């Protein structure tokens, strides 16, 4: 049986082979990628590579990308990623899980990101003692989600495409104090 998380309004389901089209749709939308990497829609090759990596991550770690959907609707409205990072891969230079998310524009302004990422955050602490998320300057909505989830600003850096980025993090100990 596939891994799922539920919240009062949402279901988060383990990433599967059938989710390639969702990723292609989200990654091909200028509104979705305006604060991601080089800020251009992903090529079919990048979509295929990221999709395969998401499937492999689940196989290796037992957690990973998840689709986001409302209980009363069949279609997914986004994704949340829960990605193990080594010290070399992590923005924090120590092993951690990186959280990320995309919510389709039709679901913006409904609290979907906060609700979904909160559930993913809580599940991720079964796998790590440290979580982080980052966002490019200008993506204030993502920064607000991080703050609502108890994450605190830890550092700034410039990404490979020259965009200033902010990183927020949360330890297991800090998370426990939120409850």
Protein backbone atom coordinates (compact mmCIF):
# COMPACT_ATOMS: atom_id res chain seq x y z
CA UNK A 1 0.00 0.00 0.00
CA UNK A 2 1.29 3.46 -0.88
CA UNK A 3 2.29 5.92 1.82
CA UNK A 4 -0.27 8.66 2.52
CA UNK A 5 -0.67 11.52 4.94
CA UNK A 6 -3.96 13.23 5.64
CA UNK A 7 -4.91 16.59 7.08
CA UNK A 8 -8.41 17.96 7.65
CA UNK A 9 -8.67 19.03 3.99
CA UNK A 10 -5.81 17.35 2.17
CA UNK A 11 -4.29 14.03 1.26
CA UNK A 12 -0.60 13.67 0.50
CA UNK A 13 0.22 10.55 -1.48
CA UNK A 14 3.53 8.87 -2.25
CA UNK A 15 4.97 9.92 -5.61
CA UNK A 16 4.36 7.30 -8.28
CA UNK A 17 4.96 6.65 -11.97
CA UNK A 18 1.58 8.18 -12.80
CA UNK A 19 2.68 11.56 -11.39
CA UNK A 20 4.98 12.41 -14.31
CA UNK A 21 2.22 14.45 -15.98
CA UNK A 22 1.63 16.48 -12.82
CA UNK A 23 5.31 17.34 -12.65
CA UNK A 24 5.41 18.23 -16.34
CA UNK A 25 2.41 20.55 -15.91
CA UNK A 26 3.77 22.28 -12.81
CA UNK A 27 7.35 22.56 -14.09
CA UNK A 28 6.15 23.88 -17.43
CA UNK A 29 4.19 26.78 -15.93
CA UNK A 30 6.05 30.10 -15.85
CA UNK A 31 4.20 31.07 -12.66
CA UNK A 32 5.53 27.98 -10.88
CA UNK A 33 9.18 28.33 -11.88
CA UNK A 34 9.51 32.09 -11.51
CA UNK A 35 11.50 31.61 -8.28
CA UNK A 36 13.12 28.22 -9.02
CA UNK A 37 16.63 27.76 -10.38
CA UNK A 38 17.09 29.64 -13.63
CA UNK A 39 13.41 30.67 -13.55
CA UNK A 40 12.62 28.93 -16.83
CA UNK A 41 10.21 26.04 -17.41
CA UNK A 42 11.86 22.65 -17.18
CA UNK A 43 12.66 20.76 -20.35
CA UNK A 44 11.13 17.30 -20.88
CA UNK A 45 14.55 15.84 -20.05
CA UNK A 46 14.75 17.67 -16.73
CA UNK A 47 11.20 16.63 -15.86
CA UNK A 48 12.03 12.98 -16.65
CA UNK A 49 15.25 13.14 -14.62
CA UNK A 50 13.58 14.73 -11.58
CA UNK A 51 10.64 12.31 -11.78
CA UNK A 52 13.00 9.30 -11.87
CA UNK A 53 15.00 10.73 -8.96
CA UNK A 54 11.82 11.20 -6.92
CA UNK A 55 10.85 7.57 -7.48
CA UNK A 56 14.36 6.36 -6.59
CA UNK A 57 14.38 8.50 -3.43
CA UNK A 58 11.26 6.73 -2.16
CA UNK A 59 12.83 3.35 -2.85
CA UNK A 60 15.99 4.30 -0.96
CA UNK A 61 14.59 6.33 1.95
CA UNK A 62 10.94 5.38 2.45
CA UNK A 63 9.86 9.00 2.14
CA UNK A 64 10.08 11.63 -0.58
CA UNK A 65 7.94 13.62 -2.97
CA UNK A 66 4.17 13.49 -2.45
CA UNK A 67 1.22 14.72 -4.44
CA UNK A 68 -1.15 17.15 -2.73
CA UNK A 69 -4.89 16.82 -3.27
CA UNK A 70 -8.14 17.80 -1.61
CA UNK A 71 -10.15 14.94 -0.10
CA UNK A 72 -13.21 15.87 -2.16
CA UNK A 73 -11.47 16.19 -5.55
CA UNK A 74 -9.65 13.53 -7.57
CA UNK A 75 -6.97 15.71 -9.14
CA UNK A 76 -3.71 16.72 -7.49
CA UNK A 77 -3.15 20.43 -6.89
CA UNK A 78 0.55 20.30 -6.18
CA UNK A 79 3.46 18.46 -4.67
CA UNK A 80 5.60 18.55 -1.58
CA UNK A 81 9.13 17.20 -1.58
CA UNK A 82 10.94 15.61 1.35
CA UNK A 83 14.50 15.04 0.18
CA UNK A 84 17.41 13.60 2.14
CA UNK A 85 20.56 15.68 1.65
CA UNK A 86 24.11 14.74 2.57
CA UNK A 87 26.36 17.33 4.18
CA UNK A 88 27.82 18.02 0.74
CA UNK A 89 24.37 18.55 -0.81
CA UNK A 90 22.75 20.43 2.06
CA UNK A 91 22.57 24.21 2.13
CA UNK A 92 23.38 23.87 5.83
CA UNK A 93 26.57 21.84 5.19
CA UNK A 94 25.30 19.02 7.41
CA UNK A 95 22.98 16.07 6.76
CA UNK A 96 19.35 17.19 6.70
CA UNK A 97 16.05 16.82 4.91
CA UNK A 98 15.13 19.56 2.48
CA UNK A 99 11.46 20.47 2.15
CA UNK A 100 10.04 21.96 -1.02
CA UNK A 101 6.62 22.49 -2.55
CA UNK A 102 4.67 23.63 -5.55
CA UNK A 103 0.97 24.43 -5.40
CA UNK A 104 -0.88 24.99 -8.67
CA UNK A 105 -2.04 28.59 -9.19
CA UNK A 106 -5.71 27.53 -9.03
CA UNK A 107 -5.14 26.56 -5.37
CA UNK A 108 -3.09 29.62 -4.32
CA UNK A 109 -4.33 31.65 -1.36
CA UNK A 110 -6.16 28.73 0.28
CA UNK A 111 -3.52 27.70 2.82
CA UNK A 112 -2.70 24.52 0.89
CA UNK A 113 1.07 24.94 1.08
CA UNK A 114 1.10 25.57 4.82
CA UNK A 115 -1.21 22.63 5.56
CA UNK A 116 0.58 20.20 3.26
CA UNK A 117 4.10 21.15 4.25
CA UNK A 118 3.19 21.03 7.95
CA UNK A 119 2.11 17.39 7.50
CA UNK A 120 5.28 16.62 5.53
CA UNK A 121 7.42 18.37 8.15
CA UNK A 122 5.93 16.27 10.92
CA UNK A 123 6.42 13.03 8.97
CA UNK A 124 9.99 13.98 8.05
CA UNK A 125 11.07 14.16 11.67
CA UNK A 126 10.79 10.35 11.78
CA UNK A 127 13.79 10.38 9.41
CA UNK A 128 15.99 13.28 10.56
CA UNK A 129 16.89 15.70 13.32
CA UNK A 130 17.17 18.70 10.98
CA UNK A 131 14.94 20.14 8.25
CA UNK A 132 15.48 23.10 5.98
CA UNK A 133 13.88 24.89 3.08
CA UNK A 134 15.10 27.67 0.86
CA UNK A 135 13.61 30.30 -1.38
CA UNK A 136 14.79 32.88 -3.86
CA UNK A 137 14.49 36.54 -2.88
CA UNK A 138 11.09 37.83 -3.92
CA UNK A 139 9.23 34.61 -3.13
CA UNK A 140 7.73 36.03 0.04
CA UNK A 141 4.86 33.51 0.04
CA UNK A 142 7.29 30.62 0.57
CA UNK A 143 9.10 32.55 3.28
CA UNK A 144 5.80 33.06 5.10
CA UNK A 145 5.03 29.33 4.93
CA UNK A 146 8.41 28.57 6.49
CA UNK A 147 7.79 31.04 9.31
CA UNK A 148 4.31 29.58 9.97
CA UNK A 149 5.92 26.15 10.27
CA UNK A 150 8.32 27.35 12.96
CA UNK A 151 11.36 27.49 10.71
CA UNK A 152 13.86 30.26 11.43
CA UNK A 153 16.18 32.07 9.05
CA UNK A 154 19.63 30.46 9.12
CA UNK A 155 21.60 31.78 6.17
CA UNK A 156 21.65 33.51 2.81
CA UNK A 157 23.53 32.54 -0.34
CA UNK A 158 23.57 33.15 -4.06
CA UNK A 159 22.49 30.16 -6.15
CA UNK A 160 24.25 28.84 -9.25
CA UNK A 161 22.07 31.07 -11.43
CA UNK A 162 23.02 34.22 -9.50
CA UNK A 163 19.79 34.58 -7.51
CA UNK A 164 19.97 35.56 -3.82
CA UNK A 165 18.39 32.86 -1.64
CA UNK A 166 17.30 32.54 1.98
CA UNK A 167 17.41 29.32 3.98
CA UNK A 168 15.22 28.57 6.99
CA UNK A 169 15.66 25.54 9.24
CA UNK A 170 14.08 23.69 12.13
CA UNK A 171 15.61 21.10 14.46
CA UNK A 172 13.70 18.22 16.01
CA UNK A 173 14.12 19.87 19.42
CA UNK A 174 12.65 23.16 18.14
CA UNK A 175 9.82 21.26 16.46
CA UNK A 176 8.91 19.47 19.70
CA UNK A 177 8.61 22.82 21.46
CA UNK A 178 6.04 23.92 18.85
CA UNK A 179 3.56 21.26 19.98
